[in-house]
Amino acid sequence: MSAQTSPTASRQIVWPSVITVLSAAILIGAEVFGAAFAGGWALSILLGLGDTGTHILQAVLFGLGVLVMIGFIRAAQRVEPFVKRA
């Protein structure tokens, strides 16, 4: 018989890591989504798009921002683990 630990084995949340990653995510998220909004507005003026085109472009850039934030959180979890297994 093997001595495997169960998935519900003693795990402890590492709060300093969680707080660090969430704080960085808030800061980076504000920059990413602000840039998506402003960039969509600026590009729509440059390309001569109307109001609808502006909103569509901003939505596309916002979606890209969501993907960036998901990638950031996943990478940050590898560097700063949220859970310590005991």
N, C-alpha and C. Protein backbone atom coordinates (compact mmCIF):
# COMPACT_ATOMS: atom_id res chain seq x y z
N MET A 1 0.84 -1.18 0.00
CA MET A 1 0.00 0.00 0.00
C MET A 1 0.88 1.24 0.00
N SER A 2 0.50 2.20 -0.77
CA SER A 2 1.28 3.43 -0.84
C SER A 2 0.75 4.44 0.16
N ALA A 3 1.64 5.27 0.62
CA ALA A 3 1.27 6.28 1.61
C ALA A 3 1.03 7.60 0.90
N GLN A 4 -0.08 7.71 0.18
CA GLN A 4 -0.41 8.95 -0.52
C GLN A 4 -1.21 9.85 0.40
N THR A 5 -0.97 11.15 0.25
CA THR A 5 -1.75 12.10 1.03
C THR A 5 -3.07 12.35 0.33
N SER A 6 -4.10 12.53 1.09
CA SER A 6 -5.41 12.78 0.50
C SER A 6 -5.49 14.23 0.04
N PRO A 7 -6.39 14.52 -0.92
CA PRO A 7 -6.54 15.90 -1.40
C PRO A 7 -6.96 16.87 -0.30
N THR A 8 -7.56 16.34 0.75
CA THR A 8 -7.99 17.20 1.85
C THR A 8 -6.98 17.21 2.98
N ALA A 9 -5.74 16.80 2.67
CA ALA A 9 -4.70 16.82 3.69
C ALA A 9 -4.52 18.24 4.21
N SER A 10 -3.83 18.35 5.31
CA SER A 10 -3.66 19.64 5.96
C SER A 10 -3.00 20.65 5.02
N ARG A 11 -3.75 21.67 4.66
CA ARG A 11 -3.24 22.76 3.82
C ARG A 11 -3.48 24.06 4.56
N GLN A 12 -2.54 24.96 4.40
CA GLN A 12 -2.64 26.24 5.08
C GLN A 12 -2.48 27.36 4.06
N ILE A 13 -3.38 28.33 4.11
CA ILE A 13 -3.32 29.47 3.20
C ILE A 13 -2.18 30.39 3.64
N VAL A 14 -1.36 30.78 2.68
CA VAL A 14 -0.25 31.70 2.94
C VAL A 14 -0.76 33.11 2.64
N TRP A 15 -1.30 33.76 3.67
CA TRP A 15 -1.96 35.05 3.48
C TRP A 15 -1.06 36.15 2.94
N PRO A 16 0.19 36.25 3.37
CA PRO A 16 1.03 37.31 2.77
C PRO A 16 1.16 37.16 1.25
N SER A 17 1.26 35.93 0.75
CA SER A 17 1.35 35.72 -0.69
C SER A 17 0.04 36.10 -1.38
N VAL A 18 -1.08 35.73 -0.78
CA VAL A 18 -2.38 36.04 -1.35
C VAL A 18 -2.58 37.55 -1.43
N ILE A 19 -2.26 38.24 -0.35
CA ILE A 19 -2.43 39.69 -0.30
C ILE A 19 -1.50 40.38 -1.30
N THR A 20 -0.26 39.89 -1.41
CA THR A 20 0.69 40.47 -2.36
C THR A 20 0.19 40.35 -3.79
N VAL A 21 -0.25 39.15 -4.16
CA VAL A 21 -0.71 38.92 -5.53
C VAL A 21 -1.98 39.71 -5.82
N LEU A 22 -2.92 39.74 -4.88
CA LEU A 22 -4.16 40.50 -5.09
C LEU A 22 -3.88 42.00 -5.20
N SER A 23 -2.98 42.50 -4.39
CA SER A 23 -2.63 43.92 -4.46
C SER A 23 -2.01 44.26 -5.81
N ALA A 24 -1.09 43.42 -6.26
CA ALA A 24 -0.47 43.64 -7.56
C ALA A 24 -1.50 43.52 -8.68
N ALA A 25 -2.44 42.58 -8.55
CA ALA A 25 -3.47 42.40 -9.57
C ALA A 25 -4.38 43.63 -9.66
N ILE A 26 -4.69 44.23 -8.53
CA ILE A 26 -5.52 45.44 -8.54
C ILE A 26 -4.78 46.57 -9.25
N LEU A 27 -3.52 46.75 -8.93
CA LEU A 27 -2.72 47.80 -9.55
C LEU A 27 -2.56 47.57 -11.06
N ILE A 28 -2.16 46.38 -11.42
CA ILE A 28 -1.95 46.07 -12.83
C ILE A 28 -3.28 46.07 -13.58
N GLY A 29 -4.35 45.59 -12.95
CA GLY A 29 -5.67 45.60 -13.58
C GLY A 29 -6.14 47.00 -13.89
N ALA A 30 -5.91 47.93 -12.97
CA ALA A 30 -6.30 49.32 -13.22
C ALA A 30 -5.56 49.87 -14.44
N GLU A 31 -4.30 49.54 -14.55
CA GLU A 31 -3.52 50.02 -15.69
C GLU A 31 -3.96 49.35 -16.99
N VAL A 32 -4.16 48.04 -16.95
CA VAL A 32 -4.53 47.30 -18.16
C VAL A 32 -5.89 47.75 -18.67
N PHE A 33 -6.88 47.84 -17.78
CA PHE A 33 -8.23 48.19 -18.22
C PHE A 33 -8.34 49.68 -18.56
N GLY A 34 -7.57 50.51 -17.88
CA GLY A 34 -7.52 51.93 -18.25
C GLY A 34 -6.90 52.11 -19.63
N ALA A 35 -5.85 51.35 -19.90
CA ALA A 35 -5.21 51.42 -21.22
C ALA A 35 -6.14 50.87 -22.30
N ALA A 36 -6.92 49.84 -21.98
CA ALA A 36 -7.87 49.29 -22.96
C ALA A 36 -8.93 50.32 -23.30
N PHE A 37 -9.45 50.99 -22.28
CA PHE A 37 -10.48 52.00 -22.52
C PHE A 37 -9.93 53.18 -23.31
N ALA A 38 -8.81 53.73 -22.87
CA ALA A 38 -8.21 54.89 -23.53
C ALA A 38 -7.69 54.52 -24.92
N GLY A 39 -7.09 53.35 -25.04
CA GLY A 39 -6.57 52.92 -26.33
C GLY A 39 -7.67 52.69 -27.35
N GLY A 40 -8.78 52.11 -26.89
CA GLY A 40 -9.92 51.92 -27.79
C GLY A 40 -10.48 53.24 -28.27
N TRP A 41 -10.57 54.19 -27.37
CA TRP A 41 -11.07 55.53 -27.72
C TRP A 41 -10.13 56.20 -28.72
N ALA A 42 -8.82 56.15 -28.43
CA ALA A 42 -7.84 56.82 -29.30
C ALA A 42 -7.77 56.16 -30.68
N LEU A 43 -7.77 54.83 -30.71
CA LEU A 43 -7.70 54.14 -31.99
C LEU A 43 -8.97 54.37 -32.82
N SER A 44 -10.11 54.45 -32.16
CA SER A 44 -11.34 54.68 -32.91
C SER A 44 -11.35 56.07 -33.55
N ILE A 45 -10.78 57.05 -32.87
CA ILE A 45 -10.67 58.38 -33.46
C ILE A 45 -9.68 58.35 -34.63
N LEU A 46 -8.55 57.66 -34.42
CA LEU A 46 -7.53 57.57 -35.46
C LEU A 46 -8.07 56.88 -36.72
N LEU A 47 -8.89 55.84 -36.51
CA LEU A 47 -9.42 55.07 -37.64
C LEU A 47 -10.74 55.63 -38.16
N GLY A 48 -11.28 56.65 -37.50
CA GLY A 48 -12.52 57.26 -37.94
C GLY A 48 -13.76 56.41 -37.69
N LEU A 49 -13.73 55.60 -36.64
CA LEU A 49 -14.89 54.77 -36.30
C LEU A 49 -15.93 55.62 -35.58
N GLY A 50 -17.16 55.21 -35.64
CA GLY A 50 -18.21 55.92 -34.92
C GLY A 50 -18.31 55.44 -33.49
N ASP A 51 -19.40 55.82 -32.83
CA ASP A 51 -19.59 55.43 -31.44
C ASP A 51 -19.68 53.91 -31.27
N THR A 52 -20.38 53.26 -32.18
CA THR A 52 -20.52 51.80 -32.08
C THR A 52 -19.16 51.13 -32.27
N GLY A 53 -18.39 51.59 -33.23
CA GLY A 53 -17.05 51.05 -33.45
C GLY A 53 -16.14 51.26 -32.26
N THR A 54 -16.30 52.41 -31.62
CA THR A 54 -15.51 52.69 -30.42
C THR A 54 -15.82 51.69 -29.33
N HIS A 55 -17.11 51.44 -29.10
CA HIS A 55 -17.50 50.51 -28.03
C HIS A 55 -17.07 49.08 -28.35
N ILE A 56 -17.15 48.69 -29.60
CA ILE A 56 -16.71 47.35 -29.98
C ILE A 56 -15.21 47.21 -29.79
N LEU A 57 -14.44 48.20 -30.22
CA LEU A 57 -12.99 48.17 -30.06
C LEU A 57 -12.60 48.15 -28.59
N GLN A 58 -13.28 48.95 -27.77
CA GLN A 58 -13.00 48.94 -26.34
C GLN A 58 -13.34 47.58 -25.72
N ALA A 59 -14.42 46.96 -26.16
CA ALA A 59 -14.78 45.64 -25.63
C ALA A 59 -13.74 44.59 -26.01
N VAL A 60 -13.23 44.66 -27.23
CA VAL A 60 -12.20 43.72 -27.66
C VAL A 60 -10.93 43.91 -26.84
N LEU A 61 -10.51 45.15 -26.66
CA LEU A 61 -9.32 45.42 -25.86
C LEU A 61 -9.54 45.06 -24.40
N PHE A 62 -10.75 45.25 -23.89
CA PHE A 62 -11.08 44.85 -22.52
C PHE A 62 -10.95 43.33 -22.38
N GLY A 63 -11.44 42.59 -23.38
CA GLY A 63 -11.31 41.13 -23.36
C GLY A 63 -9.85 40.70 -23.36
N LEU A 64 -9.02 41.38 -24.15
CA LEU A 64 -7.59 41.09 -24.12
C LEU A 64 -6.99 41.39 -22.75
N GLY A 65 -7.50 42.45 -22.12
CA GLY A 65 -7.04 42.78 -20.77
C GLY A 65 -7.40 41.70 -19.77
N VAL A 66 -8.56 41.10 -19.93
CA VAL A 66 -8.95 39.99 -19.04
C VAL A 66 -7.98 38.82 -19.23
N LEU A 67 -7.63 38.52 -20.46
CA LEU A 67 -6.67 37.44 -20.71
C LEU A 67 -5.30 37.75 -20.10
N VAL A 68 -4.88 39.00 -20.19
CA VAL A 68 -3.61 39.41 -19.57
C VAL A 68 -3.67 39.21 -18.06
N MET A 69 -4.78 39.59 -17.45
CA MET A 69 -4.90 39.46 -15.99
C MET A 69 -4.94 37.99 -15.56
N ILE A 70 -5.62 37.14 -16.33
CA ILE A 70 -5.63 35.71 -16.02
C ILE A 70 -4.22 35.15 -16.09
N GLY A 71 -3.48 35.53 -17.12
CA GLY A 71 -2.09 35.09 -17.23
C GLY A 71 -1.23 35.59 -16.09
N PHE A 72 -1.47 36.83 -15.67
CA PHE A 72 -0.69 37.37 -14.55
C PHE A 72 -0.96 36.60 -13.26
N ILE A 73 -2.23 36.34 -12.97
CA ILE A 73 -2.58 35.64 -11.73
C ILE A 73 -2.00 34.23 -11.74
N ARG A 74 -2.09 33.53 -12.86
CA ARG A 74 -1.53 32.18 -12.94
C ARG A 74 -0.02 32.18 -12.75
N ALA A 75 0.66 33.12 -13.38
CA ALA A 75 2.11 33.21 -13.22
C ALA A 75 2.49 33.60 -11.79
N ALA A 76 1.71 34.48 -11.20
CA ALA A 76 2.00 34.91 -9.83
C ALA A 76 1.79 33.77 -8.84
N GLN A 77 0.83 32.89 -9.09
CA GLN A 77 0.61 31.76 -8.19
C GLN A 77 1.78 30.79 -8.24
N ARG A 78 2.45 30.69 -9.37
CA ARG A 78 3.63 29.82 -9.45
C ARG A 78 4.78 30.39 -8.63
N VAL A 79 4.90 31.71 -8.61
CA VAL A 79 5.99 32.35 -7.89
C VAL A 79 5.67 32.48 -6.40
N GLU A 80 4.43 32.87 -6.11
CA GLU A 80 3.97 33.06 -4.73
C GLU A 80 2.83 32.07 -4.47
N PRO A 81 3.13 30.85 -4.04
CA PRO A 81 2.06 29.86 -3.81
C PRO A 81 1.06 30.35 -2.76
N PHE A 82 -0.23 30.11 -3.05
CA PHE A 82 -1.29 30.53 -2.12
C PHE A 82 -1.49 29.52 -0.99
N VAL A 83 -1.06 28.28 -1.21
CA VAL A 83 -1.32 27.23 -0.22
C VAL A 83 -0.02 26.52 0.10
N LYS A 84 0.16 26.26 1.39
CA LYS A 84 1.33 25.50 1.84
C LYS A 84 0.81 24.17 2.38
N ARG A 85 1.30 23.10 1.83
CA ARG A 85 0.88 21.78 2.28
C ARG A 85 1.72 21.36 3.48
N ALA A 86 1.02 20.91 4.48
CA ALA A 86 1.73 20.52 5.70
C ALA A 86 1.98 19.03 5.75
